[in-house]
């Protein structure tokens, strides 16, 4: 069964709501052939990445960058997975107060260095998540999971 790894840093109610929406999409009954594994960014490991078939990444935008927790994840997995996980499909969601562009750019640069392939446009949310933003996150989760079937 294909495995989708969800790596997230969710320190606020807004980021938690986005995570729950992403998981709702990834775990849709039509996608029951995909195992969804969730790991906080500070505990996700290279083994988790080596054992997965796709990745969903979630982070707040902190001072124009991804969270330190997600950067820690990338620092820990970069070299151990570099040779074996090229082409890994991924998706990204970012929550910010007013600007998420720096965080998106930083994640995309690292993912490009890993030769990961985006399967959907990043979902960016500023301020309190609206119904539309939550739906976009559900669609992101479903889209990435569906690529694994």
Protein backbone atom coordinates (compact mmCIF):
# COMPACT_ATOMS: atom_id res chain seq x y z
CA UNK A 1 0.00 0.00 0.00
CA UNK A 2 1.45 3.40 -0.90
CA UNK A 3 2.36 5.60 2.05
CA UNK A 4 1.82 9.35 2.30
CA UNK A 5 3.96 11.12 4.90
CA UNK A 6 2.50 14.31 6.37
CA UNK A 7 5.20 16.44 8.02
CA UNK A 8 3.92 19.48 9.87
CA UNK A 9 4.59 22.16 12.42
CA UNK A 10 1.28 23.25 13.93
CA UNK A 11 1.87 25.59 16.87
CA UNK A 12 -1.37 27.57 16.49
CA UNK A 13 -5.08 26.85 16.16
CA UNK A 14 -4.95 28.12 12.56
CA UNK A 15 -2.15 25.76 11.52
CA UNK A 16 -3.88 22.90 13.34
CA UNK A 17 -7.10 23.59 11.41
CA UNK A 18 -5.19 23.51 8.13
CA UNK A 19 -3.53 20.22 9.10
CA UNK A 20 -6.90 18.68 9.92
CA UNK A 21 -8.28 19.80 6.56
CA UNK A 22 -5.27 18.35 4.70
CA UNK A 23 -5.67 15.06 6.56
CA UNK A 24 -9.39 15.03 5.81
CA UNK A 25 -8.61 15.23 2.11
CA UNK A 26 -5.81 12.68 2.23
CA UNK A 27 -7.99 10.25 4.19
CA UNK A 28 -11.07 10.60 1.99
CA UNK A 29 -12.84 7.23 1.64
CA UNK A 30 -12.14 7.19 -2.10
CA UNK A 31 -8.42 7.14 -1.23
CA UNK A 32 -8.53 4.22 1.19
CA UNK A 33 -5.69 2.55 -0.71
CA UNK A 34 -3.21 5.10 0.69
CA UNK A 35 -1.75 4.83 4.18
CA UNK A 36 -1.43 8.31 5.72
CA UNK A 37 1.34 8.71 8.30
CA UNK A 38 1.54 11.97 10.26
CA UNK A 39 4.73 13.23 11.90
CA UNK A 40 5.53 16.50 13.65
CA UNK A 41 8.45 18.16 11.87
CA UNK A 42 10.68 17.88 14.94
CA UNK A 43 10.31 14.08 15.06
CA UNK A 44 10.04 13.15 11.37
CA UNK A 45 13.13 11.31 10.21
CA UNK A 46 15.00 10.17 7.14
CA UNK A 47 13.56 6.68 7.71
CA UNK A 48 10.06 8.16 7.45
CA UNK A 49 10.95 9.70 4.09
CA UNK A 50 12.67 6.56 2.82
CA UNK A 51 9.55 4.54 3.67
CA UNK A 52 7.05 6.87 1.98
CA UNK A 53 5.83 7.35 -1.57
CA UNK A 54 4.79 11.01 -1.24
CA UNK A 55 5.04 13.92 1.20
CA UNK A 56 2.77 16.70 2.39
CA UNK A 57 4.51 19.55 4.18
CA UNK A 58 2.87 22.15 6.43
CA UNK A 59 4.43 25.14 8.14
CA UNK A 60 3.72 28.57 9.49
CA UNK A 61 5.59 31.45 7.89
CA UNK A 62 7.86 32.85 10.59
CA UNK A 63 9.64 36.12 9.88
CA UNK A 64 9.39 35.46 6.16
CA UNK A 65 10.67 31.88 6.32
CA UNK A 66 9.48 28.34 7.03
CA UNK A 67 9.34 27.35 10.69
CA UNK A 68 12.56 26.30 12.36
CA UNK A 69 10.94 22.93 12.97
CA UNK A 70 10.43 22.26 9.25
CA UNK A 71 13.96 23.50 8.51
CA UNK A 72 15.19 21.05 11.18
CA UNK A 73 13.34 18.28 9.35
CA UNK A 74 15.01 19.17 6.06
CA UNK A 75 18.44 19.45 7.72
CA UNK A 76 18.05 15.95 9.16
CA UNK A 77 16.80 14.22 6.03
CA UNK A 78 18.54 16.03 3.18
CA UNK A 79 21.68 13.94 2.70
CA UNK A 80 20.27 10.59 3.88
CA UNK A 81 17.44 10.71 1.29
CA UNK A 82 19.10 12.71 -1.49
CA UNK A 83 20.14 9.71 -3.61
CA UNK A 84 17.13 7.47 -3.04
CA UNK A 85 14.06 9.72 -3.03
CA UNK A 86 14.38 11.84 -6.16
CA UNK A 87 11.08 12.34 -7.92
CA UNK A 88 9.08 12.05 -4.70
CA UNK A 89 5.71 13.80 -5.18
CA UNK A 90 4.97 16.49 -2.64
CA UNK A 91 2.52 19.20 -1.66
CA UNK A 92 2.85 22.23 0.61
CA UNK A 93 0.60 24.41 2.74
CA UNK A 94 1.76 27.53 4.58
CA UNK A 95 -0.01 29.77 7.09
CA UNK A 96 1.08 33.34 7.72
CA UNK A 97 -0.01 36.60 9.21
CA UNK A 98 0.39 38.58 6.02
CA UNK A 99 3.08 37.13 3.77
CA UNK A 100 3.93 33.51 3.04
CA UNK A 101 6.07 33.99 -0.07
CA UNK A 102 9.44 33.62 1.65
CA UNK A 103 8.42 30.38 3.34
CA UNK A 104 7.04 28.95 0.09
CA UNK A 105 10.19 29.94 -1.80
CA UNK A 106 12.46 28.38 0.85
CA UNK A 107 10.59 25.05 0.88
CA UNK A 108 10.46 24.92 -2.91
CA UNK A 109 14.23 25.53 -3.16
CA UNK A 110 15.01 22.67 -0.78
CA UNK A 111 12.49 20.36 -2.45
CA UNK A 112 14.06 21.19 -5.82
CA UNK A 113 17.47 20.33 -4.38
CA UNK A 114 16.05 16.97 -3.31
CA UNK A 115 14.53 16.52 -6.82
CA UNK A 116 11.06 16.24 -5.31
CA UNK A 117 8.20 17.01 -7.68
CA UNK A 118 5.28 19.28 -6.72
CA UNK A 119 1.94 17.76 -7.68
CA UNK A 120 -0.16 20.82 -6.78
CA UNK A 121 0.35 24.52 -6.27
CA UNK A 122 1.18 25.46 -2.67
CA UNK A 123 -1.79 26.45 -0.55
CA UNK A 124 -1.10 29.70 1.27
CA UNK A 125 -3.35 31.14 3.93
CA UNK A 126 -2.99 34.52 5.62
CA UNK A 127 -4.91 35.19 8.80
CA UNK A 128 -7.75 33.05 10.08
CA UNK A 129 -8.49 30.14 7.73
CA UNK A 130 -11.67 30.71 5.73
CA UNK A 131 -13.94 27.93 4.49
CA UNK A 132 -12.35 28.35 1.09
CA UNK A 133 -8.85 27.98 2.54
CA UNK A 134 -9.85 24.84 4.42
CA UNK A 135 -11.36 23.41 1.24
CA UNK A 136 -8.14 24.18 -0.65
CA UNK A 137 -6.23 22.25 2.02
CA UNK A 138 -8.62 19.30 1.75
CA UNK A 139 -8.12 19.33 -2.02
CA UNK A 140 -4.35 19.47 -1.56
CA UNK A 141 -4.43 16.43 0.70
CA UNK A 142 -6.64 14.52 -1.72
CA UNK A 143 -4.56 15.51 -4.76
CA UNK A 144 -1.27 14.37 -3.29
CA UNK A 145 -2.78 11.13 -1.96
CA UNK A 146 -4.43 10.40 -5.34
CA UNK A 147 -1.07 10.63 -7.13
CA UNK A 148 0.04 7.59 -5.13
CA UNK A 149 -2.74 5.31 -6.36
